[in-house]
Amino acid sequence: MKYSLLIALCVYSFSSFGQYNKNVNLTDFIRDLQIWQKDDKEMALTFWIPQSYWDISLKGSPDVEESQIAEINSIFEGYIFICALDMELLPGGNVTYTSEKNIRRSISLIGPDGNSYLPLKEKDIPYKLQNMAHVLKPMFSKILGQMGEGIQFYFFEVKDVVGKELINELKSGQFTVKHSNREFVYNLPIVSLLESKYCPEDGAEMKGNWNFCPIHGVKLNN
């Protein structure tokens, strides 16, 4: 896939919130994937981009063919893609960022199995995945502005002894990303990916991970 097409896809995916999948609101989905931690003038972010992101954000676009989405999925298949940012706000509106090297020294992922996983070294990342990361990096800078300049990319393999992936955004579980002396906990499944439930009393729409209506106390319908 040519770089020009990749750039077009990246810009499109980050700027088209919730228009192309009637079941998933992309704005809510992205909000669920980002975990911010703030302490006075210090801020840190973990942004998990699961493989389903590409389907949700690109599917239905008149400019993107199914074969192109399939190619992107094949590139990311089997890898956990984590974006990490650690920054400090300085006087005058300036910002300083922790370097990729220093975040790499601190970052790890605690899987649903309780084991700790380290990010892949560059030499162990497939060539196509490296190329994709190189294209995505300037897109973050362009779309997120100054903060995007400090975002660093890391890839993990989180699998059991027979090679089965342990993290699935649609299945129950939990994993934690650690970096910059902070912990970022993801509880699964991702709520925005679940079908809404409805209160049988008044038909009010409820979150898909709720079992009972908080108002009436009755069991929710799917």
C-alpha atoms as a PDB file:
ATOM      1  CA  MET A   1       0.000   0.000   0.000  1.00  0.00           C
ATOM      2  CA  LYS A   2       1.389   3.375  -0.980  1.00  0.00           C
ATOM      3  CA  TYR A   3       2.234   5.982   1.654  1.00  0.00           C
ATOM      4  CA  SER A   4      -0.152   8.505   0.097  1.00  0.00           C
ATOM      5  CA  LEU A   5      -3.042   6.129   0.592  1.00  0.00           C
ATOM      6  CA  LEU A   6      -2.005   5.358   4.154  1.00  0.00           C
ATOM      7  CA  ILE A   7      -1.895   9.053   4.992  1.00  0.00           C
ATOM      8  CA  ALA A   8      -5.337   9.548   3.480  1.00  0.00           C
ATOM      9  CA  LEU A   9      -6.708   6.678   5.532  1.00  0.00           C
ATOM     10  CA  CYS A  10      -5.173   7.980   8.754  1.00  0.00           C
ATOM     11  CA  VAL A  11      -6.509  11.496   8.284  1.00  0.00           C
ATOM     12  CA  TYR A  12      -9.901  10.113   7.364  1.00  0.00           C
ATOM     13  CA  SER A  13     -10.093   7.799  10.346  1.00  0.00           C
ATOM     14  CA  PHE A  14      -9.216  10.460  12.904  1.00  0.00           C
ATOM     15  CA  SER A  15     -11.573  13.054  11.480  1.00  0.00           C
ATOM     16  CA  SER A  16     -14.723  11.019  10.825  1.00  0.00           C
ATOM     17  CA  PHE A  17     -16.424  10.407  14.141  1.00  0.00           C
ATOM     18  CA  GLY A  18     -19.305   7.985  14.267  1.00  0.00           C
ATOM     19  CA  GLN A  19     -20.743   8.367  10.779  1.00  0.00           C
ATOM     20  CA  TYR A  20     -20.056   5.025   9.219  1.00  0.00           C
ATOM     21  CA  ASN A  21     -21.024   2.365  11.710  1.00  0.00           C
ATOM     22  CA  LYS A  22     -24.603   2.552  12.949  1.00  0.00           C
ATOM     23  CA  ASN A  23     -23.809   0.435  16.013  1.00  0.00           C
ATOM     24  CA  VAL A  24     -20.677   2.195  17.282  1.00  0.00           C
ATOM     25  CA  ASN A  25     -20.175   5.858  18.006  1.00  0.00           C
ATOM     26  CA  LEU A  26     -16.546   6.478  17.112  1.00  0.00           C
ATOM     27  CA  THR A  27     -16.270   9.445  19.460  1.00  0.00           C
ATOM     28  CA  ASP A  28     -17.328   7.289  22.408  1.00  0.00           C
ATOM     29  CA  PHE A  29     -15.103   4.467  21.212  1.00  0.00           C
ATOM     30  CA  ILE A  30     -12.006   6.678  21.130  1.00  0.00           C
ATOM     31  CA  ARG A  31     -12.898   8.102  24.538  1.00  0.00           C
ATOM     32  CA  ASP A  32     -12.950   4.547  25.923  1.00  0.00           C
ATOM     33  CA  LEU A  33      -9.529   3.831  24.431  1.00  0.00           C
ATOM     34  CA  GLN A  34      -7.808   6.903  25.890  1.00  0.00           C
ATOM     35  CA  ILE A  35      -6.839   7.048  29.540  1.00  0.00           C
ATOM     36  CA  TRP A  36      -5.465  10.351  30.822  1.00  0.00           C
ATOM     37  CA  GLN A  37      -3.817  10.918  34.167  1.00  0.00           C
ATOM     38  CA  LYS A  38      -3.108  14.454  35.345  1.00  0.00           C
ATOM     39  CA  ASP A  39      -1.150  15.699  38.324  1.00  0.00           C
ATOM     40  CA  ASP A  40      -0.847  19.475  38.498  1.00  0.00           C
ATOM     41  CA  LYS A  41       1.249  20.349  35.434  1.00  0.00           C
ATOM     42  CA  GLU A  42       2.227  16.781  34.599  1.00  0.00           C
ATOM     43  CA  MET A  43       0.053  14.757  32.234  1.00  0.00           C
ATOM     44  CA  ALA A  44       0.299  11.232  30.880  1.00  0.00           C
ATOM     45  CA  LEU A  45      -1.752   9.359  28.312  1.00  0.00           C
ATOM     46  CA  THR A  46      -2.196   5.792  27.191  1.00  0.00           C
ATOM     47  CA  PHE A  47      -4.127   5.337  23.947  1.00  0.00           C
ATOM     48  CA  TRP A  48      -4.847   1.756  22.932  1.00  0.00           C
ATOM     49  CA  ILE A  49      -5.751   1.282  19.272  1.00  0.00           C
ATOM     50  CA  PRO A  50      -7.250  -2.201  18.899  1.00  0.00           C
ATOM     51  CA  GLN A  51      -7.584  -3.832  15.522  1.00  0.00           C
ATOM     52  CA  SER A  52     -11.339  -3.197  15.446  1.00  0.00           C
ATOM     53  CA  TYR A  53     -10.603   0.528  15.248  1.00  0.00           C
ATOM     54  CA  TRP A  54      -9.779   0.309  11.554  1.00  0.00           C
ATOM     55  CA  ASP A  55     -13.009  -1.475  10.667  1.00  0.00           C
ATOM     56  CA  ILE A  56     -15.148   0.922  12.685  1.00  0.00           C
ATOM     57  CA  SER A  57     -13.513   4.113  11.457  1.00  0.00           C
ATOM     58  CA  LEU A  58     -13.052   3.188   7.803  1.00  0.00           C
ATOM     59  CA  LYS A  59     -15.913   0.854   6.943  1.00  0.00           C
ATOM     60  CA  GLY A  60     -18.472   2.484   4.672  1.00  0.00           C
ATOM     61  CA  SER A  61     -16.128   5.174   3.395  1.00  0.00           C
ATOM     62  CA  PRO A  62     -16.563   5.717  -0.353  1.00  0.00           C
ATOM     63  CA  ASP A  63     -12.820   6.334  -0.611  1.00  0.00           C
ATOM     64  CA  VAL A  64     -11.685   3.104   1.060  1.00  0.00           C
ATOM     65  CA  GLU A  65     -12.144  -0.348  -0.426  1.00  0.00           C
ATOM     66  CA  GLU A  66     -12.773  -3.462   1.643  1.00  0.00           C
ATOM     67  CA  SER A  67      -9.477  -4.902   0.395  1.00  0.00           C
ATOM     68  CA  GLN A  68      -7.595  -1.896   1.784  1.00  0.00           C
ATOM     69  CA  ILE A  69      -9.214  -2.283   5.201  1.00  0.00           C
ATOM     70  CA  ALA A  70      -8.340  -5.977   5.098  1.00  0.00           C
ATOM     71  CA  GLU A  71      -4.713  -5.107   4.349  1.00  0.00           C
ATOM     72  CA  ILE A  72      -4.516  -2.735   7.314  1.00  0.00           C
ATOM     73  CA  ASN A  73      -6.058  -5.400   9.541  1.00  0.00           C
ATOM     74  CA  SER A  74      -3.525  -7.947   8.373  1.00  0.00           C
ATOM     75  CA  ILE A  75      -0.660  -5.590   9.261  1.00  0.00           C
ATOM     76  CA  PHE A  76      -1.875  -5.075  12.838  1.00  0.00           C
ATOM     77  CA  GLU A  77      -3.123  -8.619  13.403  1.00  0.00           C
ATOM     78  CA  GLY A  78      -1.604 -10.266  16.466  1.00  0.00           C
ATOM     79  CA  TYR A  79      -0.166  -7.061  17.960  1.00  0.00           C
ATOM     80  CA  ILE A  80      -1.312  -4.759  20.758  1.00  0.00           C
ATOM     81  CA  PHE A  81      -0.749  -1.165  19.610  1.00  0.00           C
ATOM     82  CA  ILE A  82      -0.191   1.268  22.477  1.00  0.00           C
ATOM     83  CA  CYS A  83       0.421   5.006  22.143  1.00  0.00           C
ATOM     84  CA  ALA A  84       2.039   6.609  25.192  1.00  0.00           C
ATOM     85  CA  LEU A  85       2.595  10.232  26.141  1.00  0.00           C
ATOM     86  CA  ASP A  86       4.228  11.829  29.178  1.00  0.00           C
ATOM     87  CA  MET A  87       4.439  15.595  29.292  1.00  0.00           C
ATOM     88  CA  GLU A  88       4.918  18.577  31.585  1.00  0.00           C
ATOM     89  CA  LEU A  89       3.424  22.020  31.118  1.00  0.00           C
ATOM     90  CA  LEU A  90       6.009  24.766  31.528  1.00  0.00           C
ATOM     91  CA  PRO A  91       5.573  28.491  32.152  1.00  0.00           C
ATOM     92  CA  GLY A  92       4.622  30.460  29.062  1.00  0.00           C
ATOM     93  CA  GLY A  93       2.616  27.616  27.550  1.00  0.00           C
ATOM     94  CA  ASN A  94       5.634  25.560  26.596  1.00  0.00           C
ATOM     95  CA  VAL A  95       5.622  21.776  26.895  1.00  0.00           C
ATOM     96  CA  THR A  96       8.355  19.240  27.495  1.00  0.00           C
ATOM     97  CA  TYR A  97       7.952  15.563  26.602  1.00  0.00           C
ATOM     98  CA  THR A  98       9.514  12.390  27.911  1.00  0.00           C
ATOM     99  CA  SER A  99      11.551  10.829  25.112  1.00  0.00           C
ATOM    100  CA  GLU A 100      10.707   7.560  23.396  1.00  0.00           C
ATOM    101  CA  LYS A 101      13.790   6.005  24.930  1.00  0.00           C
ATOM    102  CA  ASN A 102      12.822   6.969  28.477  1.00  0.00           C
ATOM    103  CA  ILE A 103       9.195   5.875  28.115  1.00  0.00           C
ATOM    104  CA  ARG A 104      10.430   2.572  26.691  1.00  0.00           C
ATOM    105  CA  ARG A 105      12.480   2.046  29.838  1.00  0.00           C
ATOM    106  CA  SER A 106       9.345   2.277  31.972  1.00  0.00           C
ATOM    107  CA  ILE A 107       6.589   0.831  29.825  1.00  0.00           C
ATOM    108  CA  SER A 108       5.156  -2.633  30.286  1.00  0.00           C
ATOM    109  CA  LEU A 109       1.815  -4.368  29.910  1.00  0.00           C
ATOM    110  CA  ILE A 110       0.257  -6.629  32.527  1.00  0.00           C
ATOM    111  CA  GLY A 111      -1.927  -9.080  30.637  1.00  0.00           C
ATOM    112  CA  PRO A 112      -5.171 -10.756  31.713  1.00  0.00           C
ATOM    113  CA  ASP A 113      -3.011 -13.710  32.732  1.00  0.00           C
ATOM    114  CA  GLY A 114      -1.134 -11.555  35.250  1.00  0.00           C
ATOM    115  CA  ASN A 115       2.128 -11.796  33.329  1.00  0.00           C
ATOM    116  CA  SER A 116       4.219  -8.767  32.439  1.00  0.00           C
ATOM    117  CA  TYR A 117       5.030  -8.067  28.782  1.00  0.00           C
ATOM    118  CA  LEU A 118       7.618  -5.675  27.359  1.00  0.00           C
ATOM    119  CA  PRO A 119       7.270  -3.815  24.052  1.00  0.00           C
ATOM    120  CA  LEU A 120       8.854  -5.353  20.999  1.00  0.00           C
ATOM    121  CA  LYS A 121      12.256  -4.081  20.027  1.00  0.00           C
ATOM    122  CA  GLU A 122      12.411  -2.384  16.641  1.00  0.00           C
ATOM    123  CA  LYS A 123      14.289  -5.300  15.110  1.00  0.00           C
ATOM    124  CA  ASP A 124      11.414  -7.618  16.082  1.00  0.00           C
ATOM    125  CA  ILE A 125       8.654  -5.481  14.560  1.00  0.00           C
ATOM    126  CA  PRO A 126       7.601  -6.574  11.057  1.00  0.00           C
ATOM    127  CA  TYR A 127       8.648  -4.244   8.274  1.00  0.00           C
ATOM    128  CA  LYS A 128       5.085  -3.345   7.216  1.00  0.00           C
ATOM    129  CA  LEU A 129       4.132  -2.544  10.798  1.00  0.00           C
ATOM    130  CA  GLN A 130       7.149  -0.264  11.155  1.00  0.00           C
ATOM    131  CA  ASN A 131       6.153   1.527   7.956  1.00  0.00           C
ATOM    132  CA  MET A 132       2.626   2.015   9.236  1.00  0.00           C
ATOM    133  CA  ALA A 133       3.958   3.486  12.488  1.00  0.00           C
ATOM    134  CA  HIS A 134       6.207   5.893  10.573  1.00  0.00           C
ATOM    135  CA  VAL A 135       3.188   7.151   8.628  1.00  0.00           C
ATOM    136  CA  LEU A 136       0.938   7.433  11.675  1.00  0.00           C
ATOM    137  CA  LYS A 137       3.415   9.446  13.755  1.00  0.00           C
ATOM    138  CA  PRO A 138       3.245  12.698  11.748  1.00  0.00           C
ATOM    139  CA  MET A 139      -0.536  12.284  11.527  1.00  0.00           C
ATOM    140  CA  PHE A 140      -0.764  12.468  15.309  1.00  0.00           C
ATOM    141  CA  SER A 141       1.364  15.599  15.257  1.00  0.00           C
ATOM    142  CA  LYS A 142      -0.833  17.198  12.614  1.00  0.00           C
ATOM    143  CA  ILE A 143      -4.180  16.284  14.141  1.00  0.00           C
ATOM    144  CA  LEU A 144      -3.396  16.614  17.856  1.00  0.00           C
ATOM    145  CA  GLY A 145      -1.107  19.585  17.525  1.00  0.00           C
ATOM    146  CA  GLN A 146       1.659  20.091  20.053  1.00  0.00           C
ATOM    147  CA  MET A 147       0.656  17.074  22.133  1.00  0.00           C
ATOM    148  CA  GLY A 148       0.887  14.812  19.105  1.00  0.00           C
ATOM    149  CA  GLU A 149       4.578  15.536  18.834  1.00  0.00           C
ATOM    150  CA  GLY A 150       5.251  13.746  22.111  1.00  0.00           C
ATOM    151  CA  ILE A 151       3.253  10.566  21.470  1.00  0.00           C
ATOM    152  CA  GLN A 152       5.354   7.422  21.211  1.00  0.00           C
ATOM    153  CA  PHE A 153       4.304   4.096  19.669  1.00  0.00           C
ATOM    154  CA  TYR A 154       4.854   0.647  21.148  1.00  0.00           C
ATOM    155  CA  PHE A 155       3.817  -2.814  20.015  1.00  0.00           C
ATOM    156  CA  PHE A 156       3.273  -5.833  22.239  1.00  0.00           C
ATOM    157  CA  GLU A 157       2.597  -9.503  21.681  1.00  0.00           C
ATOM    158  CA  VAL A 158       0.302 -10.754  24.431  1.00  0.00           C
ATOM    159  CA  LYS A 159      -0.384 -14.440  23.810  1.00  0.00           C
ATOM    160  CA  ASP A 160      -0.596 -17.689  25.720  1.00  0.00           C
ATOM    161  CA  VAL A 161       1.756 -20.648  25.308  1.00  0.00           C
ATOM    162  CA  VAL A 162      -0.095 -21.901  22.217  1.00  0.00           C
ATOM    163  CA  GLY A 163      -0.121 -18.468  20.553  1.00  0.00           C
ATOM    164  CA  LYS A 164      -3.701 -17.455  21.354  1.00  0.00           C
ATOM    165  CA  GLU A 165      -4.201 -13.724  21.851  1.00  0.00           C
ATOM    166  CA  LEU A 166      -5.154 -12.853  25.431  1.00  0.00           C
ATOM    167  CA  ILE A 167      -6.597  -9.382  24.867  1.00  0.00           C
ATOM    168  CA  ASN A 168      -9.870  -8.960  23.029  1.00  0.00           C
ATOM    169  CA  GLU A 169     -11.871  -5.747  23.241  1.00  0.00           C
ATOM    170  CA  LEU A 170     -15.150  -7.699  23.044  1.00  0.00           C
ATOM    171  CA  LYS A 171     -14.410 -10.273  25.748  1.00  0.00           C
ATOM    172  CA  SER A 172     -14.383  -9.913  29.518  1.00  0.00           C
ATOM    173  CA  GLY A 173     -11.033  -9.276  31.105  1.00  0.00           C
ATOM    174  CA  GLN A 174      -8.595  -6.618  32.198  1.00  0.00           C
ATOM    175  CA  PHE A 175      -5.111  -5.463  31.332  1.00  0.00           C
ATOM    176  CA  THR A 176      -2.884  -2.693  32.617  1.00  0.00           C
ATOM    177  CA  VAL A 177      -0.348  -0.518  30.849  1.00  0.00           C
ATOM    178  CA  LYS A 178       2.394   0.901  33.050  1.00  0.00           C
ATOM    179  CA  HIS A 179       4.627   3.805  32.092  1.00  0.00           C
ATOM    180  CA  SER A 180       5.991   7.020  33.552  1.00  0.00           C
ATOM    181  CA  ASN A 181       5.362   5.777  37.113  1.00  0.00           C
ATOM    182  CA  ARG A 182       1.635   5.449  36.409  1.00  0.00           C
ATOM    183  CA  GLU A 183      -0.838   2.650  35.791  1.00  0.00           C
ATOM    184  CA  PHE A 184      -3.579   2.706  33.144  1.00  0.00           C
ATOM    185  CA  VAL A 185      -6.227   0.018  33.588  1.00  0.00           C
ATOM    186  CA  TYR A 186      -8.467  -1.203  30.760  1.00  0.00           C
ATOM    187  CA  ASN A 187     -11.594  -3.091  31.766  1.00  0.00           C
ATOM    188  CA  LEU A 188     -13.033  -5.242  29.013  1.00  0.00           C
ATOM    189  CA  PRO A 189     -15.176  -5.473  27.014  1.00  0.00           C
ATOM    190  CA  ILE A 190     -15.051  -1.904  25.711  1.00  0.00           C
ATOM    191  CA  VAL A 191     -18.467  -0.481  26.591  1.00  0.00           C
ATOM    192  CA  SER A 192     -18.935   1.542  23.405  1.00  0.00           C
ATOM    193  CA  LEU A 193     -18.681  -1.654  21.349  1.00  0.00           C
ATOM    194  CA  LEU A 194     -21.567  -3.343  23.150  1.00  0.00           C
ATOM    195  CA  GLU A 195     -25.175  -3.214  21.999  1.00  0.00           C
ATOM    196  CA  SER A 196     -27.263  -0.864  24.124  1.00  0.00           C
ATOM    197  CA  LYS A 197     -29.741  -2.238  26.646  1.00  0.00           C
ATOM    198  CA  TYR A 198     -33.144  -0.770  27.430  1.00  0.00           C
ATOM    199  CA  CYS A 199     -35.204  -0.319  30.549  1.00  0.00           C
ATOM    200  CA  PRO A 200     -38.462  -2.320  30.278  1.00  0.00           C
ATOM    201  CA  GLU A 201     -40.242   0.323  32.356  1.00  0.00           C
ATOM    202  CA  ASP A 202     -39.750   3.382  30.173  1.00  0.00           C
ATOM    203  CA  GLY A 203     -37.598   2.195  27.260  1.00  0.00           C
ATOM    204  CA  ALA A 204     -34.656   4.396  28.268  1.00  0.00           C
ATOM    205  CA  GLU A 205     -31.380   3.444  26.591  1.00  0.00           C
ATOM    206  CA  MET A 206     -28.695   2.130  28.949  1.00  0.00           C
ATOM    207  CA  LYS A 207     -25.058   1.115  28.604  1.00  0.00           C
ATOM    208  CA  GLY A 208     -24.406  -2.347  27.251  1.00  0.00           C
ATOM    209  CA  ASN A 209     -22.491  -3.510  30.342  1.00  0.00           C
ATOM    210  CA  TRP A 210     -25.332  -2.648  32.732  1.00  0.00           C
ATOM    211  CA  ASN A 211     -27.591  -5.453  33.919  1.00  0.00           C
ATOM    212  CA  PHE A 212     -30.148  -3.413  35.849  1.00  0.00           C
ATOM    213  CA  CYS A 213     -31.752   0.004  35.434  1.00  0.00           C
ATOM    214  CA  PRO A 214     -30.279   2.377  38.056  1.00  0.00           C
ATOM    215  CA  ILE A 215     -33.619   4.216  38.256  1.00  0.00           C
ATOM    216  CA  HIS A 216     -36.182   1.406  38.436  1.00  0.00           C
ATOM    217  CA  GLY A 217     -33.952  -1.453  39.590  1.00  0.00           C
ATOM    218  CA  VAL A 218     -35.365  -3.831  36.954  1.00  0.00           C
ATOM    219  CA  LYS A 219     -33.348  -6.147  34.738  1.00  0.00           C
ATOM    220  CA  LEU A 220     -32.517  -4.543  31.397  1.00  0.00           C
ATOM    221  CA  ASN A 221     -33.546  -5.859  28.015  1.00  0.00           C
ATOM    222  CA  ASN A 222     -31.038  -6.256  25.169  1.00  0.00           C
END
